[in-house]
Amino acid sequence: MERLRKLWRGRTMTFGVPLLVSTAGGLYLVGGSFGLREFAQIRYDVHKLHGKVDPALKEKLKQNTVTLESEYEKLKGADLDNWENIRGPRLWEDSRTVQQQRREAARLKRE
């Protein structure tokens, strides 16, 4: 009898069972778990569909022989220590006038 009284006054019986028994709480709790399962399944199904690659594209990717070493060889010859930071035009500026001003400033700098 003592075990039954402990079980009856426990947290599960005090808070959990009334939540499941009440119409709104039980509906949200049980229905939400089934709904969440369906949405998660849709997510995984879409992921499977987008994971497939077209065979023609797969062959084209196999033909591409770019490696890390080949890209390194391209960059090895570049001069990365001497560069100039060039500001692009602002949204309200006309790009052609900014380019003309920059060319004019570079020409005056050389003279």
PDB file of N, CA and C in Angstrom:
ATOM      1  N   MET A   1       0.826  -1.192   0.000  1.00  0.00           N
ATOM      2  CA  MET A   1       0.000   0.000   0.000  1.00  0.00           C
ATOM      3  C   MET A   1       0.871   1.256   0.000  1.00  0.00           C
ATOM      4  N   GLU A   2       1.982   1.157   0.720  1.00  0.00           N
ATOM      5  CA  GLU A   2       2.901   2.301   0.802  1.00  0.00           C
ATOM      6  C   GLU A   2       3.501   2.612  -0.574  1.00  0.00           C
ATOM      7  N   ARG A   3       3.851   1.574  -1.337  1.00  0.00           N
ATOM      8  CA  ARG A   3       4.401   1.786  -2.686  1.00  0.00           C
ATOM      9  C   ARG A   3       3.374   2.444  -3.590  1.00  0.00           C
ATOM     10  N   LEU A   4       2.133   2.034  -3.476  1.00  0.00           N
ATOM     11  CA  LEU A   4       1.071   2.614  -4.287  1.00  0.00           C
ATOM     12  C   LEU A   4       0.869   4.090  -3.946  1.00  0.00           C
ATOM     13  N   ARG A   5       0.957   4.418  -2.659  1.00  0.00           N
ATOM     14  CA  ARG A   5       0.811   5.809  -2.230  1.00  0.00           C
ATOM     15  C   ARG A   5       1.982   6.649  -2.749  1.00  0.00           C
ATOM     16  N   LYS A   6       3.215   6.107  -2.717  1.00  0.00           N
ATOM     17  CA  LYS A   6       4.382   6.819  -3.253  1.00  0.00           C
ATOM     18  C   LYS A   6       4.239   7.042  -4.752  1.00  0.00           C
ATOM     19  N   LEU A   7       3.769   6.018  -5.440  1.00  0.00           N
ATOM     20  CA  LEU A   7       3.570   6.135  -6.884  1.00  0.00           C
ATOM     21  C   LEU A   7       2.506   7.183  -7.195  1.00  0.00           C
ATOM     22  N   TRP A   8       1.435   7.168  -6.439  1.00  0.00           N
ATOM     23  CA  TRP A   8       0.337   8.107  -6.673  1.00  0.00           C
ATOM     24  C   TRP A   8       0.764   9.554  -6.425  1.00  0.00           C
ATOM     25  N   ARG A   9       1.638   9.784  -5.441  1.00  0.00           N
ATOM     26  CA  ARG A   9       2.075  11.145  -5.104  1.00  0.00           C
ATOM     27  C   ARG A   9       3.369  11.543  -5.828  1.00  0.00           C
ATOM     28  N   GLY A  10       3.825  10.710  -6.711  1.00  0.00           N
ATOM     29  CA  GLY A  10       5.068  10.994  -7.432  1.00  0.00           C
ATOM     30  C   GLY A  10       4.873  12.074  -8.494  1.00  0.00           C
ATOM     31  N   ARG A  11       5.967  12.501  -9.064  1.00  0.00           N
ATOM     32  CA  ARG A  11       5.957  13.565 -10.073  1.00  0.00           C
ATOM     33  C   ARG A  11       5.178  13.173 -11.324  1.00  0.00           C
ATOM     34  N   THR A  12       5.307  11.932 -11.739  1.00  0.00           N
ATOM     35  CA  THR A  12       4.642  11.495 -12.967  1.00  0.00           C
ATOM     36  C   THR A  12       3.133  11.574 -12.823  1.00  0.00           C
ATOM     37  N   MET A  13       2.614  11.088 -11.714  1.00  0.00           N
ATOM     38  CA  MET A  13       1.166  11.119 -11.508  1.00  0.00           C
ATOM     39  C   MET A  13       0.671  12.532 -11.237  1.00  0.00           C
ATOM     40  N   THR A  14       1.494  13.345 -10.594  1.00  0.00           N
ATOM     41  CA  THR A  14       1.059  14.696 -10.262  1.00  0.00           C
ATOM     42  C   THR A  14       1.042  15.603 -11.482  1.00  0.00           C
ATOM     43  N   PHE A  15       2.068  15.518 -12.325  1.00  0.00           N
ATOM     44  CA  PHE A  15       2.179  16.456 -13.453  1.00  0.00           C
ATOM     45  C   PHE A  15       1.985  15.800 -14.822  1.00  0.00           C
ATOM     46  N   GLY A  16       2.519  14.599 -15.022  1.00  0.00           N
ATOM     47  CA  GLY A  16       2.510  13.971 -16.341  1.00  0.00           C
ATOM     48  C   GLY A  16       1.169  13.447 -16.775  1.00  0.00           C
ATOM     49  N   VAL A  17       0.509  12.685 -15.934  1.00  0.00           N
ATOM     50  CA  VAL A  17      -0.770  12.085 -16.306  1.00  0.00           C
ATOM     51  C   VAL A  17      -1.841  13.147 -16.552  1.00  0.00           C
ATOM     52  N   PRO A  18      -1.999  14.156 -15.680  1.00  0.00           N
ATOM     53  CA  PRO A  18      -3.011  15.181 -15.990  1.00  0.00           C
ATOM     54  C   PRO A  18      -2.736  15.913 -17.309  1.00  0.00           C
ATOM     55  N   LEU A  19      -1.462  16.086 -17.650  1.00  0.00           N
ATOM     56  CA  LEU A  19      -1.134  16.748 -18.913  1.00  0.00           C
ATOM     57  C   LEU A  19      -1.596  15.900 -20.089  1.00  0.00           C
ATOM     58  N   LEU A  20      -1.370  14.593 -20.009  1.00  0.00           N
ATOM     59  CA  LEU A  20      -1.786  13.712 -21.092  1.00  0.00           C
ATOM     60  C   LEU A  20      -3.296  13.524 -21.132  1.00  0.00           C
ATOM     61  N   VAL A  21      -3.929  13.564 -19.990  1.00  0.00           N
ATOM     62  CA  VAL A  21      -5.366  13.337 -19.924  1.00  0.00           C
ATOM     63  C   VAL A  21      -6.140  14.553 -20.409  1.00  0.00           C
ATOM     64  N   SER A  22      -5.643  15.740 -20.090  1.00  0.00           N
ATOM     65  CA  SER A  22      -6.363  16.937 -20.546  1.00  0.00           C
ATOM     66  C   SER A  22      -6.394  16.945 -22.067  1.00  0.00           C
ATOM     67  N   THR A  23      -7.470  17.398 -22.649  1.00  0.00           N
ATOM     68  CA  THR A  23      -7.650  17.284 -24.098  1.00  0.00           C
ATOM     69  C   THR A  23      -6.627  18.092 -24.870  1.00  0.00           C
ATOM     70  N   ALA A  24      -6.397  19.315 -24.478  1.00  0.00           N
ATOM     71  CA  ALA A  24      -5.472  20.163 -25.234  1.00  0.00           C
ATOM     72  C   ALA A  24      -4.033  19.693 -25.053  1.00  0.00           C
ATOM     73  N   GLY A  25      -3.641  19.423 -23.828  1.00  0.00           N
ATOM     74  CA  GLY A  25      -2.262  19.018 -23.563  1.00  0.00           C
ATOM     75  C   GLY A  25      -1.913  17.706 -24.212  1.00  0.00           C
ATOM     76  N   GLY A  26      -2.792  16.737 -24.080  1.00  0.00           N
ATOM     77  CA  GLY A  26      -2.541  15.432 -24.670  1.00  0.00           C
ATOM     78  C   GLY A  26      -2.523  15.495 -26.179  1.00  0.00           C
ATOM     79  N   LEU A  27      -3.442  16.288 -26.734  1.00  0.00           N
ATOM     80  CA  LEU A  27      -3.496  16.420 -28.188  1.00  0.00           C
ATOM     81  C   LEU A  27      -2.228  17.055 -28.728  1.00  0.00           C
ATOM     82  N   TYR A  28      -1.763  18.114 -28.077  1.00  0.00           N
ATOM     83  CA  TYR A  28      -0.540  18.775 -28.532  1.00  0.00           C
ATOM     84  C   TYR A  28       0.677  17.873 -28.354  1.00  0.00           C
ATOM     85  N   LEU A  29       0.731  17.187 -27.242  1.00  0.00           N
ATOM     86  CA  LEU A  29       1.892  16.362 -26.959  1.00  0.00           C
ATOM     87  C   LEU A  29       1.971  15.153 -27.888  1.00  0.00           C
ATOM     88  N   VAL A  30       0.896  14.420 -27.998  1.00  0.00           N
ATOM     89  CA  VAL A  30       0.912  13.223 -28.831  1.00  0.00           C
ATOM     90  C   VAL A  30       0.878  13.584 -30.312  1.00  0.00           C
ATOM     91  N   GLY A  31       0.016  14.520 -30.681  1.00  0.00           N
ATOM     92  CA  GLY A  31      -0.066  14.945 -32.082  1.00  0.00           C
ATOM     93  C   GLY A  31       1.206  15.619 -32.555  1.00  0.00           C
ATOM     94  N   GLY A  32       1.831  16.375 -31.667  1.00  0.00           N
ATOM     95  CA  GLY A  32       3.074  17.046 -32.029  1.00  0.00           C
ATOM     96  C   GLY A  32       4.190  16.071 -32.316  1.00  0.00           C
ATOM     97  N   SER A  33       4.239  14.986 -31.562  1.00  0.00           N
ATOM     98  CA  SER A  33       5.299  14.009 -31.799  1.00  0.00           C
ATOM     99  C   SER A  33       5.115  13.327 -33.152  1.00  0.00           C
ATOM    100  N   PHE A  34       3.857  13.008 -33.511  1.00  0.00           N
ATOM    101  CA  PHE A  34       3.622  12.404 -34.825  1.00  0.00           C
ATOM    102  C   PHE A  34       3.876  13.401 -35.954  1.00  0.00           C
ATOM    103  N   GLY A  35       3.461  14.650 -35.759  1.00  0.00           N
ATOM    104  CA  GLY A  35       3.701  15.672 -36.773  1.00  0.00           C
ATOM    105  C   GLY A  35       5.176  15.941 -36.972  1.00  0.00           C
ATOM    106  N   LEU A  36       5.916  15.983 -35.886  1.00  0.00           N
ATOM    107  CA  LEU A  36       7.351  16.214 -35.966  1.00  0.00           C
ATOM    108  C   LEU A  36       8.048  15.075 -36.704  1.00  0.00           C
ATOM    109  N   ARG A  37       7.574  13.867 -36.498  1.00  0.00           N
ATOM    110  CA  ARG A  37       8.141  12.728 -37.193  1.00  0.00           C
ATOM    111  C   ARG A  37       7.926  12.862 -38.696  1.00  0.00           C
ATOM    112  N   GLU A  38       6.737  13.286 -39.097  1.00  0.00           N
ATOM    113  CA  GLU A  38       6.438  13.436 -40.523  1.00  0.00           C
ATOM    114  C   GLU A  38       7.308  14.518 -41.161  1.00  0.00           C
ATOM    115  N   PHE A  39       7.461  15.652 -40.488  1.00  0.00           N
ATOM    116  CA  PHE A  39       8.291  16.729 -41.035  1.00  0.00           C
ATOM    117  C   PHE A  39       9.747  16.315 -41.117  1.00  0.00           C
ATOM    118  N   ALA A  40      10.219  15.577 -40.129  1.00  0.00           N
ATOM    119  CA  ALA A  40      11.602  15.107 -40.166  1.00  0.00           C
ATOM    120  C   ALA A  40      11.791  14.118 -41.315  1.00  0.00           C
ATOM    121  N   GLN A  41      10.806  13.271 -41.560  1.00  0.00           N
ATOM    122  CA  GLN A  41      10.899  12.306 -42.649  1.00  0.00           C
ATOM    123  C   GLN A  41      10.951  13.015 -44.002  1.00  0.00           C
ATOM    124  N   ILE A  42      10.168  14.071 -44.167  1.00  0.00           N
ATOM    125  CA  ILE A  42      10.197  14.855 -45.407  1.00  0.00           C
ATOM    126  C   ILE A  42      11.589  15.442 -45.624  1.00  0.00           C
ATOM    127  N   ARG A  43      12.181  15.930 -44.559  1.00  0.00           N
ATOM    128  CA  ARG A  43      13.520  16.518 -44.651  1.00  0.00           C
ATOM    129  C   ARG A  43      14.534  15.489 -45.140  1.00  0.00           C
ATOM    130  N   TYR A  44      14.470  14.276 -44.584  1.00  0.00           N
ATOM    131  CA  TYR A  44      15.419  13.255 -44.981  1.00  0.00           C
ATOM    132  C   TYR A  44      15.161  12.770 -46.409  1.00  0.00           C
ATOM    133  N   ASP A  45      13.898  12.703 -46.817  1.00  0.00           N
ATOM    134  CA  ASP A  45      13.584  12.297 -48.186  1.00  0.00           C
ATOM    135  C   ASP A  45      14.111  13.305 -49.196  1.00  0.00           C
ATOM    136  N   VAL A  46      13.950  14.593 -48.905  1.00  0.00           N
ATOM    137  CA  VAL A  46      14.459  15.637 -49.801  1.00  0.00           C
ATOM    138  C   VAL A  46      15.978  15.571 -49.868  1.00  0.00           C
ATOM    139  N   HIS A  47      16.603  15.309 -48.748  1.00  0.00           N
ATOM    140  CA  HIS A  47      18.070  15.209 -48.724  1.00  0.00           C
ATOM    141  C   HIS A  47      18.556  14.048 -49.595  1.00  0.00           C
ATOM    142  N   LYS A  48      17.821  12.937 -49.583  1.00  0.00           N
ATOM    143  CA  LYS A  48      18.192  11.805 -50.422  1.00  0.00           C
ATOM    144  C   LYS A  48      18.062  12.145 -51.902  1.00  0.00           C
ATOM    145  N   LEU A  49      17.009  12.882 -52.268  1.00  0.00           N
ATOM    146  CA  LEU A  49      16.805  13.234 -53.668  1.00  0.00           C
ATOM    147  C   LEU A  49      17.880  14.183 -54.183  1.00  0.00           C
ATOM    148  N   HIS A  50      18.248  15.159 -53.354  1.00  0.00           N
ATOM    149  CA  HIS A  50      19.253  16.132 -53.793  1.00  0.00           C
ATOM    150  C   HIS A  50      20.659  15.565 -53.730  1.00  0.00           C
ATOM    151  N   GLY A  51      20.845  14.457 -53.047  1.00  0.00           N
ATOM    152  CA  GLY A  51      22.162  13.855 -52.949  1.00  0.00           C
ATOM    153  C   GLY A  51      22.559  13.107 -54.208  1.00  0.00           C
ATOM    154  N   LYS A  52      21.601  12.790 -55.074  1.00  0.00           N
ATOM    155  CA  LYS A  52      21.907  12.044 -56.292  1.00  0.00           C
ATOM    156  C   LYS A  52      22.504  12.971 -57.346  1.00  0.00           C
ATOM    157  N   VAL A  53      23.518  12.489 -58.050  1.00  0.00           N
ATOM    158  CA  VAL A  53      24.212  13.279 -59.056  1.00  0.00           C
ATOM    159  C   VAL A  53      23.904  12.694 -60.434  1.00  0.00           C
ATOM    160  N   ASP A  54      23.705  13.590 -61.387  1.00  0.00           N
ATOM    161  CA  ASP A  54      23.449  13.175 -62.767  1.00  0.00           C
ATOM    162  C   ASP A  54      24.693  12.461 -63.308  1.00  0.00           C
ATOM    163  N   PRO A  55      24.539  11.334 -64.009  1.00  0.00           N
ATOM    164  CA  PRO A  55      25.714  10.598 -64.514  1.00  0.00           C
ATOM    165  C   PRO A  55      26.579  11.423 -65.469  1.00  0.00           C
ATOM    166  N   ALA A  56      25.963  12.276 -66.288  1.00  0.00           N
ATOM    167  CA  ALA A  56      26.759  13.111 -67.199  1.00  0.00           C
ATOM    168  C   ALA A  56      27.623  14.089 -66.409  1.00  0.00           C
ATOM    169  N   LEU A  57      27.062  14.647 -65.362  1.00  0.00           N
ATOM    170  CA  LEU A  57      27.827  15.572 -64.525  1.00  0.00           C
ATOM    171  C   LEU A  57      28.935  14.829 -63.786  1.00  0.00           C
ATOM    172  N   LYS A  58      28.663  13.614 -63.387  1.00  0.00           N
ATOM    173  CA  LYS A  58      29.668  12.816 -62.700  1.00  0.00           C
ATOM    174  C   LYS A  58      30.863  12.556 -63.605  1.00  0.00           C
ATOM    175  N   GLU A  59      30.612  12.247 -64.880  1.00  0.00           N
ATOM    176  CA  GLU A  59      31.699  12.023 -65.836  1.00  0.00           C
ATOM    177  C   GLU A  59      32.494  13.303 -66.065  1.00  0.00           C
ATOM    178  N   LYS A  60      31.800  14.418 -66.129  1.00  0.00           N
ATOM    179  CA  LYS A  60      32.479  15.701 -66.335  1.00  0.00           C
ATOM    180  C   LYS A  60      33.374  16.038 -65.146  1.00  0.00           C
ATOM    181  N   LEU A  61      32.901  15.706 -63.943  1.00  0.00           N
ATOM    182  CA  LEU A  61      33.710  15.948 -62.755  1.00  0.00           C
ATOM    183  C   LEU A  61      34.939  15.049 -62.715  1.00  0.00           C
ATOM    184  N   LYS A  62      34.816  13.828 -63.224  1.00  0.00           N
ATOM    185  CA  LYS A  62      35.963  12.926 -63.266  1.00  0.00           C
ATOM    186  C   LYS A  62      37.028  13.429 -64.225  1.00  0.00           C
ATOM    187  N   GLN A  63      36.629  14.097 -65.305  1.00  0.00           N
ATOM    188  CA  GLN A  63      37.576  14.610 -66.286  1.00  0.00           C
ATOM    189  C   GLN A  63      38.358  15.801 -65.745  1.00  0.00           C
ATOM    190  N   ASN A  64      37.789  16.517 -64.786  1.00  0.00           N
ATOM    191  CA  ASN A  64      38.451  17.672 -64.205  1.00  0.00           C
ATOM    192  C   ASN A  64      39.603  17.194 -63.328  1.00  0.00           C
ATOM    193  N   THR A  65      40.837  17.528 -63.724  1.00  0.00           N
ATOM    194  CA  THR A  65      42.009  17.031 -63.006  1.00  0.00           C
ATOM    195  C   THR A  65      42.714  18.137 -62.234  1.00  0.00           C
ATOM    196  N   VAL A  66      41.977  19.053 -61.660  1.00  0.00           N
ATOM    197  CA  VAL A  66      42.578  20.111 -60.861  1.00  0.00           C
ATOM    198  C   VAL A  66      42.942  19.534 -59.499  1.00  0.00           C
ATOM    199  N   THR A  67      44.209  19.693 -59.136  1.00  0.00           N
ATOM    200  CA  THR A  67      44.667  19.195 -57.847  1.00  0.00           C
ATOM    201  C   THR A  67      45.207  20.351 -57.036  1.00  0.00           C
ATOM    202  N   LEU A  68      45.426  20.094 -55.792  1.00  0.00           N
ATOM    203  CA  LEU A  68      45.989  21.102 -54.907  1.00  0.00           C
ATOM    204  C   LEU A  68      47.394  21.494 -55.347  1.00  0.00           C
ATOM    205  N   GLU A  69      48.143  20.536 -55.814  1.00  0.00           N
ATOM    206  CA  GLU A  69      49.512  20.805 -56.253  1.00  0.00           C
ATOM    207  C   GLU A  69      49.530  21.682 -57.508  1.00  0.00           C
ATOM    208  N   SER A  70      48.611  21.439 -58.447  1.00  0.00           N
ATOM    209  CA  SER A  70      48.581  22.253 -59.666  1.00  0.00           C
ATOM    210  C   SER A  70      48.185  23.694 -59.354  1.00  0.00           C
ATOM    211  N   GLU A  71      47.251  23.869 -58.430  1.00  0.00           N
ATOM    212  CA  GLU A  71      46.882  25.232 -58.039  1.00  0.00           C
ATOM    213  C   GLU A  71      48.024  25.923 -57.299  1.00  0.00           C
ATOM    214  N   TYR A  72      48.781  25.175 -56.508  1.00  0.00           N
ATOM    215  CA  TYR A  72      49.927  25.742 -55.818  1.00  0.00           C
ATOM    216  C   TYR A  72      50.984  26.204 -56.809  1.00  0.00           C
ATOM    217  N   GLU A  73      51.210  25.429 -57.841  1.00  0.00           N
ATOM    218  CA  GLU A  73      52.188  25.815 -58.860  1.00  0.00           C
ATOM    219  C   GLU A  73      51.759  27.100 -59.565  1.00  0.00           C
ATOM    220  N   LYS A  74      50.472  27.287 -59.780  1.00  0.00           N
ATOM    221  CA  LYS A  74      49.992  28.528 -60.399  1.00  0.00           C
ATOM    222  C   LYS A  74      50.254  29.725 -59.498  1.00  0.00           C
ATOM    223  N   LEU A  75      50.024  29.555 -58.200  1.00  0.00           N
ATOM    224  CA  LEU A  75      50.194  30.672 -57.265  1.00  0.00           C
ATOM    225  C   LEU A  75      51.648  30.915 -56.890  1.00  0.00           C
ATOM    226  N   LYS A  76      52.498  29.922 -57.100  1.00  0.00           N
ATOM    227  CA  LYS A  76      53.899  30.079 -56.721  1.00  0.00           C
ATOM    228  C   LYS A  76      54.574  31.191 -57.518  1.00  0.00           C
ATOM    229  N   GLY A  77      54.208  31.350 -58.764  1.00  0.00           N
ATOM    230  CA  GLY A  77      54.816  32.374 -59.594  1.00  0.00           C
ATOM    231  C   GLY A  77      54.232  33.769 -59.372  1.00  0.00           C
ATOM    232  N   ALA A  78      53.115  33.880 -58.695  1.00  0.00           N
ATOM    233  CA  ALA A  78      52.481  35.190 -58.492  1.00  0.00           C
ATOM    234  C   ALA A  78      53.213  35.972 -57.403  1.00  0.00           C
ATOM    235  N   ASP A  79      53.253  37.291 -57.570  1.00  0.00           N
ATOM    236  CA  ASP A  79      53.883  38.171 -56.589  1.00  0.00           C
ATOM    237  C   ASP A  79      52.809  38.620 -55.598  1.00  0.00           C
ATOM    238  N   LEU A  80      52.773  37.974 -54.449  1.00  0.00           N
ATOM    239  CA  LEU A  80      51.734  38.262 -53.463  1.00  0.00           C
ATOM    240  C   LEU A  80      52.164  39.300 -52.438  1.00  0.00           C
ATOM    241  N   ASP A  81      53.424  39.748 -52.495  1.00  0.00           N
ATOM    242  CA  ASP A  81      53.893  40.725 -51.517  1.00  0.00           C
ATOM    243  C   ASP A  81      53.636  42.158 -51.957  1.00  0.00           C
ATOM    244  N   ASN A  82      53.606  42.414 -53.253  1.00  0.00           N
ATOM    245  CA  ASN A  82      53.396  43.778 -53.761  1.00  0.00           C
ATOM    246  C   ASN A  82      52.021  43.855 -54.408  1.00  0.00           C
ATOM    247  N   TRP A  83      51.070  44.406 -53.695  1.00  0.00           N
ATOM    248  CA  TRP A  83      49.736  44.569 -54.227  1.00  0.00           C
ATOM    249  C   TRP A  83      49.168  45.884 -53.737  1.00  0.00           C
ATOM    250  N   GLU A  84      48.169  46.347 -54.405  1.00  0.00           N
ATOM    251  CA  GLU A  84      47.557  47.625 -54.054  1.00  0.00           C
ATOM    252  C   GLU A  84      46.079  47.389 -53.767  1.00  0.00           C
ATOM    253  N   ASN A  85      45.619  47.957 -52.666  1.00  0.00           N
ATOM    254  CA  ASN A  85      44.223  47.836 -52.292  1.00  0.00           C
ATOM    255  C   ASN A  85      43.424  48.881 -53.073  1.00  0.00           C
ATOM    256  N   ILE A  86      42.496  48.439 -53.892  1.00  0.00           N
ATOM    257  CA  ILE A  86      41.706  49.346 -54.721  1.00  0.00           C
ATOM    258  C   ILE A  86      40.281  49.361 -54.201  1.00  0.00           C
ATOM    259  N   ARG A  87      39.824  50.560 -53.857  1.00  0.00           N
ATOM    260  CA  ARG A  87      38.473  50.706 -53.333  1.00  0.00           C
ATOM    261  C   ARG A  87      37.475  50.707 -54.478  1.00  0.00           C
ATOM    262  N   GLY A  88      36.420  49.942 -54.338  1.00  0.00           N
ATOM    263  CA  GLY A  88      35.354  49.929 -55.329  1.00  0.00           C
ATOM    264  C   GLY A  88      34.402  51.099 -55.106  1.00  0.00           C
ATOM    265  N   PRO A  89      33.553  51.369 -56.079  1.00  0.00           N
ATOM    266  CA  PRO A  89      32.627  52.488 -55.922  1.00  0.00           C
ATOM    267  C   PRO A  89      31.549  52.190 -54.878  1.00  0.00           C
ATOM    268  N   ARG A  90      31.095  53.247 -54.216  1.00  0.00           N
ATOM    269  CA  ARG A  90      29.990  53.121 -53.274  1.00  0.00           C
ATOM    270  C   ARG A  90      28.690  52.990 -54.054  1.00  0.00           C
ATOM    271  N   LEU A  91      27.626  52.657 -53.369  1.00  0.00           N
ATOM    272  CA  LEU A  91      26.339  52.472 -54.034  1.00  0.00           C
ATOM    273  C   LEU A  91      25.860  53.749 -54.722  1.00  0.00           C
ATOM    274  N   TRP A  92      26.142  54.880 -54.125  1.00  0.00           N
ATOM    275  CA  TRP A  92      25.664  56.148 -54.665  1.00  0.00           C
ATOM    276  C   TRP A  92      26.621  56.756 -55.693  1.00  0.00           C
ATOM    277  N   GLU A  93      27.781  56.142 -55.901  1.00  0.00           N
ATOM    278  CA  GLU A  93      28.750  56.654 -56.858  1.00  0.00           C
ATOM    279  C   GLU A  93      28.610  55.932 -58.190  1.00  0.00           C
ATOM    280  N   ASP A  94      28.971  56.630 -59.258  1.00  0.00           N
ATOM    281  CA  ASP A  94      28.996  56.024 -60.587  1.00  0.00           C
ATOM    282  C   ASP A  94      30.352  55.353 -60.765  1.00  0.00           C
ATOM    283  N   SER A  95      30.362  54.100 -61.166  1.00  0.00           N
ATOM    284  CA  SER A  95      31.611  53.347 -61.240  1.00  0.00           C
ATOM    285  C   SER A  95      32.551  53.909 -62.301  1.00  0.00           C
ATOM    286  N   ARG A  96      31.994  54.432 -63.374  1.00  0.00           N
ATOM    287  CA  ARG A  96      32.862  54.966 -64.443  1.00  0.00           C
ATOM    288  C   ARG A  96      33.596  56.225 -63.993  1.00  0.00           C
ATOM    289  N   THR A  97      32.914  57.087 -63.264  1.00  0.00           N
ATOM    290  CA  THR A  97      33.596  58.304 -62.800  1.00  0.00           C
ATOM    291  C   THR A  97      34.659  57.947 -61.760  1.00  0.00           C
ATOM    292  N   VAL A  98      34.399  56.959 -60.918  1.00  0.00           N
ATOM    293  CA  VAL A  98      35.401  56.538 -59.932  1.00  0.00           C
ATOM    294  C   VAL A  98      36.616  55.962 -60.644  1.00  0.00           C
ATOM    295  N   GLN A  99      36.400  55.164 -61.687  1.00  0.00           N
ATOM    296  CA  GLN A  99      37.515  54.597 -62.441  1.00  0.00           C
ATOM    297  C   GLN A  99      38.319  55.706 -63.132  1.00  0.00           C
ATOM    298  N   GLN A 100      37.637  56.702 -63.691  1.00  0.00           N
ATOM    299  CA  GLN A 100      38.340  57.819 -64.333  1.00  0.00           C
ATOM    300  C   GLN A 100      39.164  58.591 -63.315  1.00  0.00           C
ATOM    301  N   GLN A 101      38.611  58.832 -62.134  1.00  0.00           N
ATOM    302  CA  GLN A 101      39.361  59.543 -61.095  1.00  0.00           C
ATOM    303  C   GLN A 101      40.583  58.738 -60.659  1.00  0.00           C
ATOM    304  N   ARG A 102      40.448  57.446 -60.552  1.00  0.00           N
ATOM    305  CA  ARG A 102      41.561  56.607 -60.141  1.00  0.00           C
ATOM    306  C   ARG A 102      42.655  56.597 -61.210  1.00  0.00           C
ATOM    307  N   ARG A 103      42.267  56.528 -62.480  1.00  0.00           N
ATOM    308  CA  ARG A 103      43.253  56.565 -63.563  1.00  0.00           C
ATOM    309  C   ARG A 103      43.978  57.904 -63.587  1.00  0.00           C
ATOM    310  N   GLU A 104      43.221  58.964 -63.372  1.00  0.00           N
ATOM    311  CA  GLU A 104      43.827  60.299 -63.347  1.00  0.00           C
ATOM    312  C   GLU A 104      44.811  60.423 -62.189  1.00  0.00           C
ATOM    313  N   ALA A 105      44.447  59.906 -61.027  1.00  0.00           N
ATOM    314  CA  ALA A 105      45.341  59.968 -59.869  1.00  0.00           C
ATOM    315  C   ALA A 105      46.593  59.129 -60.113  1.00  0.00           C
ATOM    316  N   ALA A 106      46.448  57.969 -60.746  1.00  0.00           N
ATOM    317  CA  ALA A 106      47.610  57.127 -61.045  1.00  0.00           C
ATOM    318  C   ALA A 106      48.517  57.800 -62.065  1.00  0.00           C
ATOM    319  N   ARG A 107      47.930  58.494 -63.063  1.00  0.00           N
ATOM    320  CA  ARG A 107      48.722  59.188 -64.067  1.00  0.00           C
ATOM    321  C   ARG A 107      49.504  60.324 -63.433  1.00  0.00           C
ATOM    322  N   LEU A 108      48.865  61.087 -62.540  1.00  0.00           N
ATOM    323  CA  LEU A 108      49.553  62.184 -61.867  1.00  0.00           C
ATOM    324  C   LEU A 108      50.641  61.666 -60.939  1.00  0.00           C
ATOM    325  N   LYS A 109      50.432  60.520 -60.367  1.00  0.00           N
ATOM    326  CA  LYS A 109      51.409  59.928 -59.457  1.00  0.00           C
ATOM    327  C   LYS A 109      52.667  59.522 -60.208  1.00  0.00           C
ATOM    328  N   ARG A 110      52.492  59.025 -61.441  1.00  0.00           N
ATOM    329  CA  ARG A 110      53.638  58.606 -62.245  1.00  0.00           C
ATOM    330  C   ARG A 110      54.455  59.794 -62.746  1.00  0.00           C
ATOM    331  N   GLU A 111      53.806  60.911 -62.938  1.00  0.00           N
ATOM    332  CA  GLU A 111      54.523  62.088 -63.491  1.00  0.00           C
ATOM    333  C   GLU A 111      55.349  62.794 -62.498  1.00  0.00           C
TER     334      GLU A 111
END
